[in-house]
C-alpha atoms as a PDB file:
ATOM      1  CA  MET A   1      20.738  31.754   6.676  1.00  0.00           C
ATOM      2  CA  LYS A   2      18.543  30.891   9.859  1.00  0.00           C
ATOM      3  CA  THR A   3      15.303  31.295   7.725  1.00  0.00           C
ATOM      4  CA  LYS A   4      16.390  29.189   5.414  1.00  0.00           C
ATOM      5  CA  ALA A   5      16.988  26.490   7.867  1.00  0.00           C
ATOM      6  CA  ARG A   6      13.747  27.269   9.408  1.00  0.00           C
ATOM      7  CA  ASN A   7      11.978  27.087   6.038  1.00  0.00           C
ATOM      8  CA  SER A   8      13.699  23.760   4.963  1.00  0.00           C
ATOM      9  CA  ARG A   9      12.353  22.134   7.964  1.00  0.00           C
ATOM     10  CA  LEU A  10       8.766  23.574   7.748  1.00  0.00           C
ATOM     11  CA  ASP A  11       8.921  22.201   3.931  1.00  0.00           C
ATOM     12  CA  GLN A  12      10.250  18.756   5.518  1.00  0.00           C
ATOM     13  CA  ARG A  13       7.255  18.714   8.062  1.00  0.00           C
ATOM     14  CA  PHE A  14       4.788  19.561   5.279  1.00  0.00           C
ATOM     15  CA  THR A  15       6.094  16.901   3.022  1.00  0.00           C
ATOM     16  CA  LEU A  16       6.248  14.487   6.429  1.00  0.00           C
ATOM     17  CA  LEU A  17       2.376  15.474   6.979  1.00  0.00           C
ATOM     18  CA  ASN A  18       1.421  14.928   2.965  1.00  0.00           C
ATOM     19  CA  SER A  19       3.356  11.443   3.005  1.00  0.00           C
ATOM     20  CA  GLU A  20       1.153  10.344   6.053  1.00  0.00           C
ATOM     21  CA  ARG A  21      -1.761  11.252   4.678  1.00  0.00           C
ATOM     22  CA  ARG A  22      -0.951   9.491   1.248  1.00  0.00           C
ATOM     23  CA  PHE A  23       0.286   6.323   3.347  1.00  0.00           C
ATOM     24  CA  ARG A  24      -3.028   6.306   5.355  1.00  0.00           C
ATOM     25  CA  ARG A  25      -4.929   6.654   1.922  1.00  0.00           C
ATOM     26  CA  ALA A  26      -3.263   3.996   0.054  1.00  0.00           C
ATOM     27  CA  CYS A  27      -3.611   1.529   3.395  1.00  0.00           C
ATOM     28  CA  GLU A  28      -7.361   2.293   3.382  1.00  0.00           C
ATOM     29  CA  GLN A  29      -7.209   1.484  -0.525  1.00  0.00           C
ATOM     30  CA  ILE A  30      -5.448  -2.063   0.196  1.00  0.00           C
ATOM     31  CA  VAL A  31      -8.064  -2.687   2.875  1.00  0.00           C
ATOM     32  CA  GLN A  32     -10.998  -1.987   0.182  1.00  0.00           C
ATOM     33  CA  LEU A  33      -9.195  -3.993  -2.535  1.00  0.00           C
ATOM     34  CA  ASN A  34      -8.951  -7.145   0.048  1.00  0.00           C
ATOM     35  CA  TYR A  35     -12.501  -7.126   0.682  1.00  0.00           C
ATOM     36  CA  LYS A  36     -13.168  -6.942  -3.067  1.00  0.00           C
ATOM     37  CA  LEU A  37     -10.897  -9.971  -3.482  1.00  0.00           C
ATOM     38  CA  ASP A  38     -12.559 -11.976  -1.255  1.00  0.00           C
ATOM     39  CA  GLU A  39     -16.100 -11.052  -2.640  1.00  0.00           C
ATOM     40  CA  LEU A  40     -14.534 -12.039  -6.371  1.00  0.00           C
ATOM     41  CA  GLN A  41     -13.045 -15.476  -4.702  1.00  0.00           C
ATOM     42  CA  SER A  42     -16.716 -16.307  -3.355  1.00  0.00           C
ATOM     43  CA  ARG A  43     -18.204 -15.823  -6.393  1.00  0.00           C
ATOM     44  CA  TYR A  44     -15.274 -17.664  -8.311  1.00  0.00           C
ATOM     45  CA  LEU A  45     -15.600 -20.717  -6.120  1.00  0.00           C
ATOM     46  CA  GLY A  46     -19.659 -20.528  -6.460  1.00  0.00           C
ATOM     47  CA  ALA A  47     -19.149 -20.640 -10.058  1.00  0.00           C
ATOM     48  CA  LYS A  48     -16.752 -23.299  -9.786  1.00  0.00           C
ATOM     49  CA  ARG A  49     -19.082 -25.443  -7.646  1.00  0.00           C
ATOM     50  CA  ASP A  50     -21.922 -24.914 -10.303  1.00  0.00           C
ATOM     51  CA  GLY A  51     -19.717 -25.758 -13.325  1.00  0.00           C
ATOM     52  CA  LEU A  52     -19.927 -22.256 -15.087  1.00  0.00           C
ATOM     53  CA  ARG A  53     -17.058 -22.145 -16.788  1.00  0.00           C
ATOM     54  CA  THR A  54     -17.596 -18.512 -18.485  1.00  0.00           C
ATOM     55  CA  PHE A  55     -18.002 -17.174 -15.443  1.00  0.00           C
ATOM     56  CA  ARG A  56     -15.158 -18.553 -13.712  1.00  0.00           C
ATOM     57  CA  TYR A  57     -12.833 -17.555 -16.526  1.00  0.00           C
ATOM     58  CA  SER A  58     -14.480 -13.729 -16.000  1.00  0.00           C
ATOM     59  CA  TYR A  59     -13.676 -14.029 -12.297  1.00  0.00           C
ATOM     60  CA  ARG A  60     -10.166 -15.184 -12.545  1.00  0.00           C
ATOM     61  CA  LEU A  61      -9.631 -12.160 -14.708  1.00  0.00           C
ATOM     62  CA  ARG A  62     -11.288  -9.922 -12.592  1.00  0.00           C
ATOM     63  CA  MET A  63      -9.217 -11.282  -9.348  1.00  0.00           C
ATOM     64  CA  SER A  64      -5.824 -10.951 -11.197  1.00  0.00           C
ATOM     65  CA  VAL A  65      -6.449  -7.354 -11.921  1.00  0.00           C
ATOM     66  CA  VAL A  66      -7.619  -6.809  -8.613  1.00  0.00           C
ATOM     67  CA  GLU A  67      -4.641  -8.608  -7.280  1.00  0.00           C
ATOM     68  CA  GLY A  68      -2.205  -6.455  -9.560  1.00  0.00           C
ATOM     69  CA  LEU A  69      -3.679  -3.405  -8.421  1.00  0.00           C
ATOM     70  CA  ARG A  70      -3.486  -4.286  -4.648  1.00  0.00           C
ATOM     71  CA  ASN A  71       0.120  -5.028  -5.163  1.00  0.00           C
ATOM     72  CA  MET A  72       0.777  -1.720  -6.750  1.00  0.00           C
ATOM     73  CA  TYR A  73      -1.019  -0.091  -3.668  1.00  0.00           C
ATOM     74  CA  TYR A  74       1.224  -2.117  -1.667  1.00  0.00           C
ATOM     75  CA  ASP A  75       4.205  -1.274  -3.473  1.00  0.00           C
ATOM     76  CA  TYR A  76       3.380   2.499  -3.249  1.00  0.00           C
ATOM     77  CA  ALA A  77       2.416   2.134   0.735  1.00  0.00           C
ATOM     78  CA  HIS A  78       5.849   0.459   1.250  1.00  0.00           C
ATOM     79  CA  GLN A  79       7.616   3.400  -0.373  1.00  0.00           C
ATOM     80  CA  LYS A  80       5.913   6.111   1.258  1.00  0.00           C
ATOM     81  CA  ALA A  81       6.555   4.060   4.659  1.00  0.00           C
ATOM     82  CA  GLU A  82       9.869   4.564   3.448  1.00  0.00           C
ATOM     83  CA  ASP A  83      10.191   8.271   3.202  1.00  0.00           C
ATOM     84  CA  ILE A  84       8.062   8.776   6.487  1.00  0.00           C
ATOM     85  CA  SER A  85      10.633   7.024   8.241  1.00  0.00           C
ATOM     86  CA  GLY A  86      13.618   9.137   6.540  1.00  0.00           C
ATOM     87  CA  LEU A  87      11.914  12.095   7.446  1.00  0.00           C
ATOM     88  CA  ARG A  88      10.969  11.484  11.037  1.00  0.00           C
ATOM     89  CA  ARG A  89      14.577  10.521  11.368  1.00  0.00           C
ATOM     90  CA  ASP A  90      15.748  13.696  10.102  1.00  0.00           C
ATOM     91  CA  LEU A  91      13.429  15.843  12.063  1.00  0.00           C
ATOM     92  CA  TYR A  92      12.914  14.157  15.378  1.00  0.00           C
ATOM     93  CA  GLY A  93      15.606  11.900  15.602  1.00  0.00           C
ATOM     94  CA  GLU A  94      12.804   8.714  15.530  1.00  0.00           C
ATOM     95  CA  ILE A  95      14.037   5.356  14.646  1.00  0.00           C
ATOM     96  CA  VAL A  96      11.387   3.895  12.849  1.00  0.00           C
ATOM     97  CA  ASP A  97      11.315   0.601  11.542  1.00  0.00           C
ATOM     98  CA  VAL A  98       9.391  -0.387   8.244  1.00  0.00           C
ATOM     99  CA  VAL A  99       8.093  -3.760   8.610  1.00  0.00           C
ATOM    100  CA  SER A 100       7.389  -5.915   5.001  1.00  0.00           C
ATOM    101  CA  GLY A 101       4.555  -8.145   5.053  1.00  0.00           C
ATOM    102  CA  SER A 102       6.588 -10.635   2.675  1.00  0.00           C
ATOM    103  CA  GLU A 103       9.465 -12.918   3.747  1.00  0.00           C
ATOM    104  CA  ASP A 104      11.068 -12.221   0.506  1.00  0.00           C
ATOM    105  CA  ASP A 105      12.501  -9.147   1.317  1.00  0.00           C
ATOM    106  CA  ASP A 106      14.615 -10.670   3.890  1.00  0.00           C
ATOM    107  CA  GLU A 107      16.539 -12.842   1.579  1.00  0.00           C
ATOM    108  CA  GLU A 108      17.618  -9.487  -0.428  1.00  0.00           C
END
């Protein structure tokens, strides 16, 4: 019985470490996608300034794809943060608040 409880806690610790690693990686990807989005936006504004409609359309499409991808990474990172919060509470008794970057979550 004792070994089962010990194995369960050990599994939770491994799950916590894995979740934290995945959370950090997702945050790194979000930062990279923000850089990519800034780069595309500056190219779009240059094409708009120069009146290059075909490039503007192409850049708008690419910007929407990168923005959608960034939003998916954000949702994934938020879910991992929730998981980490629960695991830390169960393992160590820590109370970790997960803060969302949008104000839409406050209204729900």
